[in-house]
Amino acid sequence: MAVRFLVGERLYFRPVEEADLPQLHAWINDPDTRVRLGQVRPMDLKAEQSWWEAQDRSRTPRSVQFAVCLNEDDALLGTTGLHIINWLHRWAESGTLLGPAEARGRGYGTEAKRMLLAYAFDTLNLHKVMSRVYEDNEPSLRHLLRCGFREEGRLRQQLFRDGRYHDELVLGCLADEWRAAHSA
């Protein structure tokens, strides 16, 4: 029986386990995935292992990382998490990665982000969750806006890819806006 830390309609969150690393390694090196993330160098399995070992598992962590899995068959779809958690000012940055191409465009990313926001606001009592996306990553931008994020800023010409510079957008979602939208 799989560990199910948070359960949603179609998805559940569990801890990222060492056994997940080969799959995560393959996904982070996938051309479509790495382009959307602005990754320009390959990541070897040893680097993925180092990332996993460096995850903050202290009592007051600066990050919380989850594996995103399907309820129906326990299939690993990707990861999501809160990073750079600032406990004094009550904010964090978020990120979600769906690995399999067939999982994209089916609403899984939106469900995962909404589950993450509910956890951030209702369990961790954060006030704000931010996310960053490159301007040409339209699927991720649409999904963030659907989840209640609003554009807060633009880092002009932050990323060089394919012979030109791209802006990075900074988006935020506030707890009171989230609660107002989800109290109906």
C-alpha atoms as a PDB file:
ATOM      1  CA  MET A   1       0.000   0.000   0.000  1.00  0.00           C
ATOM      2  CA  ALA A   2       1.400   3.363  -1.043  1.00  0.00           C
ATOM      3  CA  VAL A   3       1.901   6.166   1.478  1.00  0.00           C
ATOM      4  CA  ARG A   4      -0.720   8.845   0.803  1.00  0.00           C
ATOM      5  CA  PHE A   5       0.103  12.080   2.600  1.00  0.00           C
ATOM      6  CA  LEU A   6      -2.528  14.260   0.851  1.00  0.00           C
ATOM      7  CA  VAL A   7      -5.342  12.893  -1.309  1.00  0.00           C
ATOM      8  CA  GLY A   8      -7.223  14.767  -4.017  1.00  0.00           C
ATOM      9  CA  GLU A   9      -9.851  13.799  -6.554  1.00  0.00           C
ATOM     10  CA  ARG A  10      -7.517  12.030  -9.000  1.00  0.00           C
ATOM     11  CA  LEU A  11      -4.105  12.535  -7.390  1.00  0.00           C
ATOM     12  CA  TYR A  12      -2.306  12.052  -4.132  1.00  0.00           C
ATOM     13  CA  PHE A  13       0.955  13.361  -2.684  1.00  0.00           C
ATOM     14  CA  ARG A  14       3.538  11.203  -0.993  1.00  0.00           C
ATOM     15  CA  PRO A  15       7.177  11.737  -0.069  1.00  0.00           C
ATOM     16  CA  VAL A  16       9.740  11.615  -2.874  1.00  0.00           C
ATOM     17  CA  GLU A  17      11.660   8.382  -2.378  1.00  0.00           C
ATOM     18  CA  GLU A  18      15.127   7.384  -3.503  1.00  0.00           C
ATOM     19  CA  ALA A  19      13.554   4.773  -5.809  1.00  0.00           C
ATOM     20  CA  ASP A  20      11.901   7.676  -7.750  1.00  0.00           C
ATOM     21  CA  LEU A  21      15.233   9.216  -8.730  1.00  0.00           C
ATOM     22  CA  PRO A  22      15.873   7.299 -11.981  1.00  0.00           C
ATOM     23  CA  GLN A  23      12.446   8.346 -13.299  1.00  0.00           C
ATOM     24  CA  LEU A  24      12.877  11.960 -12.156  1.00  0.00           C
ATOM     25  CA  HIS A  25      16.333  11.967 -13.751  1.00  0.00           C
ATOM     26  CA  ALA A  26      14.865  10.894 -17.089  1.00  0.00           C
ATOM     27  CA  TRP A  27      12.132  13.541 -16.916  1.00  0.00           C
ATOM     28  CA  ILE A  28      14.417  16.443 -15.993  1.00  0.00           C
ATOM     29  CA  ASN A  29      16.580  15.613 -19.024  1.00  0.00           C
ATOM     30  CA  ASP A  30      13.626  15.298 -21.427  1.00  0.00           C
ATOM     31  CA  PRO A  31      14.056  17.998 -24.118  1.00  0.00           C
ATOM     32  CA  ASP A  32      10.536  19.408 -23.728  1.00  0.00           C
ATOM     33  CA  THR A  33      10.777  19.513 -19.933  1.00  0.00           C
ATOM     34  CA  ARG A  34      14.232  21.033 -19.702  1.00  0.00           C
ATOM     35  CA  VAL A  35      13.404  23.755 -22.240  1.00  0.00           C
ATOM     36  CA  ARG A  36      10.383  24.846 -20.183  1.00  0.00           C
ATOM     37  CA  LEU A  37      12.547  24.983 -17.059  1.00  0.00           C
ATOM     38  CA  GLY A  38      15.411  26.842 -18.720  1.00  0.00           C
ATOM     39  CA  GLN A  39      17.781  23.958 -18.063  1.00  0.00           C
ATOM     40  CA  VAL A  40      20.780  24.111 -20.424  1.00  0.00           C
ATOM     41  CA  ARG A  41      23.019  21.371 -19.056  1.00  0.00           C
ATOM     42  CA  PRO A  42      22.247  17.691 -18.652  1.00  0.00           C
ATOM     43  CA  MET A  43      21.689  16.465 -15.128  1.00  0.00           C
ATOM     44  CA  ASP A  44      23.349  13.174 -14.305  1.00  0.00           C
ATOM     45  CA  LEU A  45      21.932  10.673 -11.856  1.00  0.00           C
ATOM     46  CA  LYS A  46      24.530  11.630  -9.259  1.00  0.00           C
ATOM     47  CA  ALA A  47      23.268  15.254  -9.342  1.00  0.00           C
ATOM     48  CA  GLU A  48      19.687  14.009  -8.941  1.00  0.00           C
ATOM     49  CA  GLN A  49      20.848  11.930  -5.960  1.00  0.00           C
ATOM     50  CA  SER A  50      22.563  14.998  -4.463  1.00  0.00           C
ATOM     51  CA  TRP A  51      19.344  17.018  -4.894  1.00  0.00           C
ATOM     52  CA  TRP A  52      17.382  14.324  -3.061  1.00  0.00           C
ATOM     53  CA  GLU A  53      19.940  14.066  -0.243  1.00  0.00           C
ATOM     54  CA  ALA A  54      19.907  17.864   0.181  1.00  0.00           C
ATOM     55  CA  GLN A  55      16.132  18.026   0.732  1.00  0.00           C
ATOM     56  CA  ASP A  56      15.465  19.776   4.009  1.00  0.00           C
ATOM     57  CA  ARG A  57      13.793  17.330   6.362  1.00  0.00           C
ATOM     58  CA  SER A  58      14.250  19.402   9.523  1.00  0.00           C
ATOM     59  CA  ARG A  59      11.455  20.291  11.929  1.00  0.00           C
ATOM     60  CA  THR A  60      11.013  23.758  10.353  1.00  0.00           C
ATOM     61  CA  PRO A  61      11.998  23.064   6.764  1.00  0.00           C
ATOM     62  CA  ARG A  62      12.784  25.651   4.114  1.00  0.00           C
ATOM     63  CA  SER A  63      11.204  23.335   1.545  1.00  0.00           C
ATOM     64  CA  VAL A  64       8.563  20.630   1.293  1.00  0.00           C
ATOM     65  CA  GLN A  65       8.670  18.325  -1.719  1.00  0.00           C
ATOM     66  CA  PHE A  66       6.032  15.802  -2.803  1.00  0.00           C
ATOM     67  CA  ALA A  67       5.766  13.061  -5.379  1.00  0.00           C
ATOM     68  CA  VAL A  68       2.543  13.475  -7.386  1.00  0.00           C
ATOM     69  CA  CYS A  69       0.815  10.131  -8.072  1.00  0.00           C
ATOM     70  CA  LEU A  70      -2.414   8.871  -9.607  1.00  0.00           C
ATOM     71  CA  ASN A  71      -5.002   7.536  -7.162  1.00  0.00           C
ATOM     72  CA  GLU A  72      -6.138   4.804  -9.552  1.00  0.00           C
ATOM     73  CA  ASP A  73      -2.826   3.002 -10.061  1.00  0.00           C
ATOM     74  CA  ASP A  74      -0.151   4.754  -7.951  1.00  0.00           C
ATOM     75  CA  ALA A  75       1.686   5.890 -11.111  1.00  0.00           C
ATOM     76  CA  LEU A  76       4.270   8.593 -10.460  1.00  0.00           C
ATOM     77  CA  LEU A  77       3.414  11.690 -12.539  1.00  0.00           C
ATOM     78  CA  GLY A  78       5.966  14.159 -11.212  1.00  0.00           C
ATOM     79  CA  THR A  79       6.783  16.375  -8.271  1.00  0.00           C
ATOM     80  CA  THR A  80       5.483  19.523  -6.620  1.00  0.00           C
ATOM     81  CA  GLY A  81       6.675  21.509  -3.677  1.00  0.00           C
ATOM     82  CA  LEU A  82       7.161  24.664  -1.698  1.00  0.00           C
ATOM     83  CA  HIS A  83      10.654  26.140  -1.697  1.00  0.00           C
ATOM     84  CA  ILE A  84      12.498  28.941   0.076  1.00  0.00           C
ATOM     85  CA  ILE A  85       9.795  28.968   2.759  1.00  0.00           C
ATOM     86  CA  ASN A  86      10.012  32.176   4.761  1.00  0.00           C
ATOM     87  CA  TRP A  87       8.358  31.377   8.098  1.00  0.00           C
ATOM     88  CA  LEU A  88       8.603  34.951   9.430  1.00  0.00           C
ATOM     89  CA  HIS A  89       6.893  36.640   6.484  1.00  0.00           C
ATOM     90  CA  ARG A  90       4.766  33.544   5.664  1.00  0.00           C
ATOM     91  CA  TRP A  91       5.561  33.025   1.964  1.00  0.00           C
ATOM     92  CA  ALA A  92       7.118  30.397  -0.256  1.00  0.00           C
ATOM     93  CA  GLU A  93       7.866  29.705  -3.889  1.00  0.00           C
ATOM     94  CA  SER A  94       6.191  26.760  -5.587  1.00  0.00           C
ATOM     95  CA  GLY A  95       7.038  24.507  -8.474  1.00  0.00           C
ATOM     96  CA  THR A  96       5.384  21.584 -10.210  1.00  0.00           C
ATOM     97  CA  LEU A  97       6.881  19.185 -12.736  1.00  0.00           C
ATOM     98  CA  LEU A  98       4.803  16.645 -14.634  1.00  0.00           C
ATOM     99  CA  GLY A  99       7.073  14.182 -16.379  1.00  0.00           C
ATOM    100  CA  PRO A 100       5.122  12.009 -18.800  1.00  0.00           C
ATOM    101  CA  ALA A 101       4.003  13.901 -21.913  1.00  0.00           C
ATOM    102  CA  GLU A 102       0.686  12.022 -21.834  1.00  0.00           C
ATOM    103  CA  ALA A 103      -0.040  13.485 -18.366  1.00  0.00           C
ATOM    104  CA  ARG A 104       0.152  17.066 -19.602  1.00  0.00           C
ATOM    105  CA  GLY A 105      -2.944  18.941 -20.683  1.00  0.00           C
ATOM    106  CA  ARG A 106      -5.253  16.706 -18.622  1.00  0.00           C
ATOM    107  CA  GLY A 107      -5.646  18.968 -15.589  1.00  0.00           C
ATOM    108  CA  TYR A 108      -3.259  17.045 -13.353  1.00  0.00           C
ATOM    109  CA  GLY A 109      -0.929  20.029 -12.937  1.00  0.00           C
ATOM    110  CA  THR A 110      -3.850  22.248 -11.960  1.00  0.00           C
ATOM    111  CA  GLU A 111      -5.161  19.711  -9.452  1.00  0.00           C
ATOM    112  CA  ALA A 112      -1.670  19.265  -7.986  1.00  0.00           C
ATOM    113  CA  LYS A 113      -1.144  23.033  -7.668  1.00  0.00           C
ATOM    114  CA  ARG A 114      -4.552  23.496  -6.008  1.00  0.00           C
ATOM    115  CA  MET A 115      -3.759  20.703  -3.546  1.00  0.00           C
ATOM    116  CA  LEU A 116      -0.399  22.340  -2.836  1.00  0.00           C
ATOM    117  CA  LEU A 117      -2.020  25.742  -2.275  1.00  0.00           C
ATOM    118  CA  ALA A 118      -4.598  24.254   0.110  1.00  0.00           C
ATOM    119  CA  TYR A 119      -1.734  22.644   2.047  1.00  0.00           C
ATOM    120  CA  ALA A 120       0.285  25.881   2.057  1.00  0.00           C
ATOM    121  CA  PHE A 121      -2.583  28.068   3.261  1.00  0.00           C
ATOM    122  CA  ASP A 122      -4.677  25.728   5.410  1.00  0.00           C
ATOM    123  CA  THR A 123      -1.968  23.554   6.979  1.00  0.00           C
ATOM    124  CA  LEU A 124       1.222  25.628   6.976  1.00  0.00           C
ATOM    125  CA  ASN A 125      -0.640  28.935   7.433  1.00  0.00           C
ATOM    126  CA  LEU A 126       1.371  30.670   4.722  1.00  0.00           C
ATOM    127  CA  HIS A 127       0.123  34.039   3.527  1.00  0.00           C
ATOM    128  CA  LYS A 128       1.461  33.945  -0.029  1.00  0.00           C
ATOM    129  CA  VAL A 129       2.748  31.423  -2.549  1.00  0.00           C
ATOM    130  CA  MET A 130       4.742  32.577  -5.549  1.00  0.00           C
ATOM    131  CA  SER A 131       5.752  30.886  -8.756  1.00  0.00           C
ATOM    132  CA  ARG A 132       7.996  31.792 -11.676  1.00  0.00           C
ATOM    133  CA  VAL A 133       7.453  30.951 -15.325  1.00  0.00           C
ATOM    134  CA  TYR A 134       9.142  31.942 -18.570  1.00  0.00           C
ATOM    135  CA  GLU A 135       6.893  34.018 -20.808  1.00  0.00           C
ATOM    136  CA  ASP A 136       6.862  31.460 -23.621  1.00  0.00           C
ATOM    137  CA  ASN A 137       5.778  28.595 -21.337  1.00  0.00           C
ATOM    138  CA  GLU A 138       2.112  29.200 -22.085  1.00  0.00           C
ATOM    139  CA  PRO A 139       0.754  25.925 -20.635  1.00  0.00           C
ATOM    140  CA  SER A 140       2.344  26.627 -17.245  1.00  0.00           C
ATOM    141  CA  LEU A 141       1.244  30.254 -17.287  1.00  0.00           C
ATOM    142  CA  ARG A 142      -2.370  29.292 -18.063  1.00  0.00           C
ATOM    143  CA  HIS A 143      -2.369  26.673 -15.326  1.00  0.00           C
ATOM    144  CA  LEU A 144      -1.050  29.163 -12.739  1.00  0.00           C
ATOM    145  CA  LEU A 145      -3.687  31.737 -13.668  1.00  0.00           C
ATOM    146  CA  ARG A 146      -6.412  29.046 -13.387  1.00  0.00           C
ATOM    147  CA  CYS A 147      -5.154  28.273  -9.895  1.00  0.00           C
ATOM    148  CA  GLY A 148      -5.588  31.882  -8.755  1.00  0.00           C
ATOM    149  CA  PHE A 149      -2.114  33.306  -9.284  1.00  0.00           C
ATOM    150  CA  ARG A 150      -1.735  36.881 -10.513  1.00  0.00           C
ATOM    151  CA  GLU A 151       1.203  38.413 -12.301  1.00  0.00           C
ATOM    152  CA  GLU A 152       3.232  40.498  -9.850  1.00  0.00           C
ATOM    153  CA  GLY A 153       6.339  41.249 -11.818  1.00  0.00           C
ATOM    154  CA  ARG A 154       8.452  40.643 -14.866  1.00  0.00           C
ATOM    155  CA  LEU A 155      12.180  40.013 -14.955  1.00  0.00           C
ATOM    156  CA  ARG A 156      13.031  41.324 -18.373  1.00  0.00           C
ATOM    157  CA  GLN A 157      15.246  39.238 -20.648  1.00  0.00           C
ATOM    158  CA  GLN A 158      16.100  36.821 -17.834  1.00  0.00           C
ATOM    159  CA  LEU A 159      16.628  33.706 -19.967  1.00  0.00           C
ATOM    160  CA  PHE A 160      18.631  33.241 -23.175  1.00  0.00           C
ATOM    161  CA  ARG A 161      17.319  30.405 -25.324  1.00  0.00           C
ATOM    162  CA  ASP A 162      17.129  29.689 -29.037  1.00  0.00           C
ATOM    163  CA  GLY A 163      19.077  32.803 -29.952  1.00  0.00           C
ATOM    164  CA  ARG A 164      16.966  35.331 -28.050  1.00  0.00           C
ATOM    165  CA  TYR A 165      16.126  36.538 -24.562  1.00  0.00           C
ATOM    166  CA  HIS A 166      12.877  35.725 -22.755  1.00  0.00           C
ATOM    167  CA  ASP A 167      11.206  37.413 -19.787  1.00  0.00           C
ATOM    168  CA  GLU A 168      10.527  35.549 -16.571  1.00  0.00           C
ATOM    169  CA  LEU A 169       7.174  36.254 -14.942  1.00  0.00           C
ATOM    170  CA  VAL A 170       6.718  36.257 -11.173  1.00  0.00           C
ATOM    171  CA  LEU A 171       3.204  35.334 -10.061  1.00  0.00           C
ATOM    172  CA  GLY A 172       1.651  35.231  -6.609  1.00  0.00           C
ATOM    173  CA  CYS A 173      -1.412  33.849  -4.877  1.00  0.00           C
ATOM    174  CA  LEU A 174      -2.552  35.267  -1.529  1.00  0.00           C
ATOM    175  CA  ALA A 175      -4.259  33.156   1.115  1.00  0.00           C
ATOM    176  CA  ASP A 176      -7.277  35.457   1.475  1.00  0.00           C
ATOM    177  CA  GLU A 177      -7.859  35.465  -2.298  1.00  0.00           C
ATOM    178  CA  TRP A 178      -7.515  31.682  -2.345  1.00  0.00           C
ATOM    179  CA  ARG A 179      -9.965  31.223   0.503  1.00  0.00           C
ATOM    180  CA  ALA A 180     -12.490  33.642  -1.037  1.00  0.00           C
ATOM    181  CA  ALA A 181     -12.372  31.756  -4.338  1.00  0.00           C
ATOM    182  CA  HIS A 182     -12.702  28.335  -2.664  1.00  0.00           C
ATOM    183  CA  SER A 183     -15.230  29.050   0.075  1.00  0.00           C
ATOM    184  CA  ALA A 184     -18.279  28.662  -2.205  1.00  0.00           C
END
